[in-house]
Every structure is written in C-alpha cells, then in structure tokens.
Amino acid sequence: MEPKLVDAEAFKAAMRTWASGVTILTSVADGQIHGMTVSAFSSVSAQPPLVLVCANQASFTHEVIEVSQVFGVNVLAAGQEEISNRFAMGDAAHRFEGVPWTAGSTGTPLLDGALCNLECRVRNSYREGTHTIYIGEVMDSRVREDAAPLVYFDGGYRSIG
C-alpha cells in the first residue's frame, strides 16, 4: 500500500511548529523594485557562501528575480513586525513607501534597520510545487550587532528572552 500525502491543512499545522526568523526577499529588474516576506530561508555553504530561499511562483517578486537573477535577503530585527506584515499582505505597489532602504551594488533594495542584509546572485534555481528554490551566491553582507532577531512561531511574532 502506497503511503498517502498529508493534506494541506495538516501540513500547515505541522509547519506552524517551526520557529523561524523573518526575512524580506527583495529584487530589482528594469527599474522595478519588489519584495515579499519569506520564512523559507537557510544557509547552504560557507565556501562558497551560499543561501537558499523559496519564492512563490505566483508572486511579482518571483518574476523580478527571474529577470534580474539577483536578490536581497533582509533578516528582520525585533520591532520590525509592521514591515513584515506590510511585505506579507500589503499592497504590492506600496510596500516600500516609508521604508528606508539602500540600493546594493546590483541595485537590489537592502532594508535599513534590518539585522542583516545579504546581496545575492542566483547560482541555481529549482521549481518544486508552487515555489522556486533559489540558491544564491552571497556577494555582499551587512550585519547589525545591536539588535535581536524577529522570530515567527505558531502564527505570531515572538521575542527571544
């Protein structure tokens, strides 16, 4: 007997038990900037410096990364919940309004005040299900050492005590 796959609701309930940092994935192509909240992010390798991020194929951010082949990962700091919510659910055309950012060497928006910014070039990509897994080669990084991370667990933000 072939084992059956878990249904989408059971899968989502299981994934809610995974505490994670919160990142904003950003990119730029043809003068258009875009970004979205992403929790599927991980380091892959230190030599060469590689990270993994997953983007929904239906998102505009995905389209921009496909064209530009560059992206930024902005690891949010505690207190940046509003930015996380805006980039997760807010009007895509207005997500950057009032959010200070600096263009990286590729033009990719790097959010000021983030705990960490990574500027990446797509090294590989893999389409799986509804998402694309991007492996990014880290070209530049900025780290802020005076803040704690924004953590997401079981449908809400948490602080590290």
Protein backbone atom coordinates (compact mmCIF):
# COMPACT_ATOMS: atom_id res chain seq x y z
CA MET A 1 0.00 0.00 0.00
CA GLU A 2 1.35 3.37 -1.08
CA PRO A 3 1.54 5.91 1.78
CA LYS A 4 -0.71 8.90 1.18
CA LEU A 5 0.40 12.52 1.36
CA VAL A 6 -0.70 14.67 4.25
CA ASP A 7 -3.35 17.23 3.27
CA ALA A 8 -2.54 20.95 3.02
CA GLU A 9 -4.16 21.89 6.35
CA ALA A 10 -2.30 19.19 8.29
CA PHE A 11 0.93 20.26 6.59
CA LYS A 12 0.38 23.92 7.53
CA ALA A 13 -0.39 22.94 11.14
CA ALA A 14 2.86 20.99 11.31
CA MET A 15 4.88 23.84 9.81
CA ARG A 16 3.48 26.28 12.39
CA THR A 17 5.56 24.43 15.00
CA TRP A 18 8.79 25.54 13.28
CA ALA A 19 10.09 28.75 14.83
CA SER A 20 11.97 30.83 12.28
CA GLY A 21 13.47 34.20 11.65
CA VAL A 22 11.64 36.56 9.33
CA THR A 23 13.15 37.81 6.09
CA ILE A 24 12.13 40.19 3.35
CA LEU A 25 13.20 38.96 -0.08
CA THR A 26 13.86 41.88 -2.43
CA SER A 27 14.90 42.31 -6.04
CA VAL A 28 15.05 44.80 -8.88
CA ALA A 29 14.66 44.50 -12.65
CA ASP A 30 14.12 47.14 -15.30
CA GLY A 31 13.82 49.84 -12.65
CA GLN A 32 11.08 47.95 -10.79
CA ILE A 33 11.73 47.05 -7.15
CA HIS A 34 9.75 44.45 -5.31
CA GLY A 35 9.82 42.50 -2.10
CA MET A 36 7.89 39.99 -0.02
CA THR A 37 8.06 38.36 3.41
CA VAL A 38 9.70 34.94 3.34
CA SER A 39 10.30 32.45 6.13
CA ALA A 40 11.82 29.73 3.92
CA PHE A 41 15.46 30.80 4.14
CA SER A 42 18.62 28.96 5.12
CA SER A 43 22.38 28.97 4.77
CA VAL A 44 23.72 26.31 2.40
CA SER A 45 27.51 26.63 2.35
CA ALA A 46 30.29 28.80 3.76
CA GLN A 47 32.69 28.06 0.88
CA PRO A 48 31.41 29.37 -1.43
CA PRO A 49 28.95 31.49 0.59
CA LEU A 50 25.51 30.24 -0.48
CA VAL A 51 21.98 30.69 0.84
CA LEU A 52 18.64 29.14 -0.08
CA VAL A 53 15.34 30.99 -0.33
CA CYS A 54 11.95 29.89 -1.64
CA ALA A 55 9.65 32.22 -3.59
CA ASN A 56 6.07 31.59 -4.65
CA GLN A 57 5.93 31.39 -8.44
CA ALA A 58 2.71 33.44 -8.47
CA SER A 59 4.40 36.43 -6.82
CA PHE A 60 5.68 39.50 -8.61
CA THR A 61 8.92 39.20 -6.63
CA HIS A 62 9.47 35.82 -8.29
CA GLU A 63 9.03 37.42 -11.72
CA VAL A 64 11.55 40.14 -10.87
CA ILE A 65 14.14 37.62 -9.65
CA GLU A 66 13.65 35.54 -12.79
CA VAL A 67 14.50 38.58 -14.92
CA SER A 68 17.30 40.09 -12.84
CA GLN A 69 18.89 36.94 -11.41
CA VAL A 70 19.72 38.89 -8.23
CA PHE A 71 18.04 39.19 -4.85
CA GLY A 72 18.49 40.56 -1.37
CA VAL A 73 17.70 38.79 1.87
CA ASN A 74 16.89 41.17 4.70
CA VAL A 75 16.77 39.43 8.10
CA LEU A 76 14.37 41.49 10.21
CA ALA A 77 15.15 42.69 13.71
CA ALA A 78 12.80 42.61 16.70
CA GLY A 79 10.41 45.54 16.38
CA GLN A 80 10.06 45.26 12.59
CA GLU A 81 6.73 43.41 12.71
CA GLU A 82 4.96 46.15 10.73
CA ILE A 83 7.44 45.79 7.88
CA SER A 84 6.98 42.02 7.90
CA ASN A 85 3.18 42.41 7.76
CA ARG A 86 3.33 45.04 5.03
CA PHE A 87 5.51 42.88 2.78
CA ALA A 88 3.38 39.79 3.50
CA MET A 89 -0.07 41.24 2.95
CA GLY A 90 0.17 44.88 1.97
CA ASP A 91 -0.48 46.35 -1.44
CA ALA A 92 2.49 45.22 -3.53
CA ALA A 93 2.78 48.59 -5.28
CA HIS A 94 3.21 50.45 -1.97
CA ARG A 95 5.30 48.09 0.14
CA PHE A 96 8.44 50.24 0.05
CA GLU A 97 6.65 53.53 0.86
CA GLY A 98 8.13 54.95 4.05
CA VAL A 99 10.54 52.02 4.43
CA PRO A 100 14.13 53.27 4.26
CA TRP A 101 16.42 51.22 2.04
CA THR A 102 19.72 51.43 0.23
CA ALA A 103 20.48 50.04 -3.21
CA GLY A 104 23.17 47.37 -3.19
CA SER A 105 25.78 47.10 -5.92
CA THR A 106 23.24 45.29 -8.14
CA GLY A 107 20.52 47.83 -7.35
CA THR A 108 18.74 45.33 -5.11
CA PRO A 109 16.93 47.09 -2.23
CA LEU A 110 18.57 46.39 1.14
CA LEU A 111 16.33 47.44 4.03
CA ASP A 112 17.85 49.85 6.52
CA GLY A 113 17.48 48.73 10.14
CA ALA A 114 17.43 45.02 9.28
CA LEU A 115 19.50 42.72 11.46
CA CYS A 116 21.35 41.54 8.36
CA ASN A 117 21.32 42.23 4.62
CA LEU A 118 22.66 39.76 2.08
CA GLU A 119 23.03 40.68 -1.58
CA CYS A 120 22.96 37.59 -3.77
CA ARG A 121 23.30 36.46 -7.35
CA VAL A 122 21.22 33.44 -8.41
CA ARG A 123 23.51 30.47 -8.83
CA ASN A 124 20.81 27.81 -9.34
CA SER A 125 17.05 27.52 -9.20
CA TYR A 126 14.67 24.60 -8.91
CA ARG A 127 10.92 24.64 -9.43
CA GLU A 128 9.10 22.48 -6.91
CA GLY A 129 5.35 22.60 -6.34
CA THR A 130 4.15 26.21 -6.12
CA HIS A 131 7.59 27.64 -5.35
CA THR A 132 11.04 28.13 -6.82
CA ILE A 133 14.02 27.30 -4.66
CA TYR A 134 16.78 29.80 -5.34
CA ILE A 135 20.37 29.12 -4.38
CA GLY A 136 22.08 32.49 -4.10
CA GLU A 137 25.77 33.24 -4.03
CA VAL A 138 26.31 35.94 -1.38
CA MET A 139 28.13 38.87 -2.98
CA ASP A 140 27.94 41.29 -0.05
CA SER A 141 26.65 41.36 3.53
CA ARG A 142 25.92 43.88 6.24
CA VAL A 143 25.33 42.84 9.85
CA ARG A 144 23.85 44.92 12.66
CA GLU A 145 25.09 43.71 16.03
CA ASP A 146 22.96 45.82 18.37
CA ALA A 147 19.59 44.10 17.89
CA ALA A 148 17.74 40.81 18.40
CA PRO A 149 16.00 38.89 15.60
CA LEU A 150 12.31 38.99 14.78
CA VAL A 151 11.00 35.45 15.34
CA TYR A 152 7.79 33.90 13.99
CA PHE A 153 6.14 30.87 15.64
CA ASP A 154 2.64 29.38 15.58
CA GLY A 155 1.10 32.25 13.64
CA GLY A 156 2.60 35.10 15.67
CA TYR A 157 5.75 37.06 16.41
CA ARG A 158 7.83 36.10 19.42
CA SER A 159 10.77 37.57 21.25
CA ILE A 160 13.85 35.79 22.43
CA GLY A 161 14.06 36.17 26.21
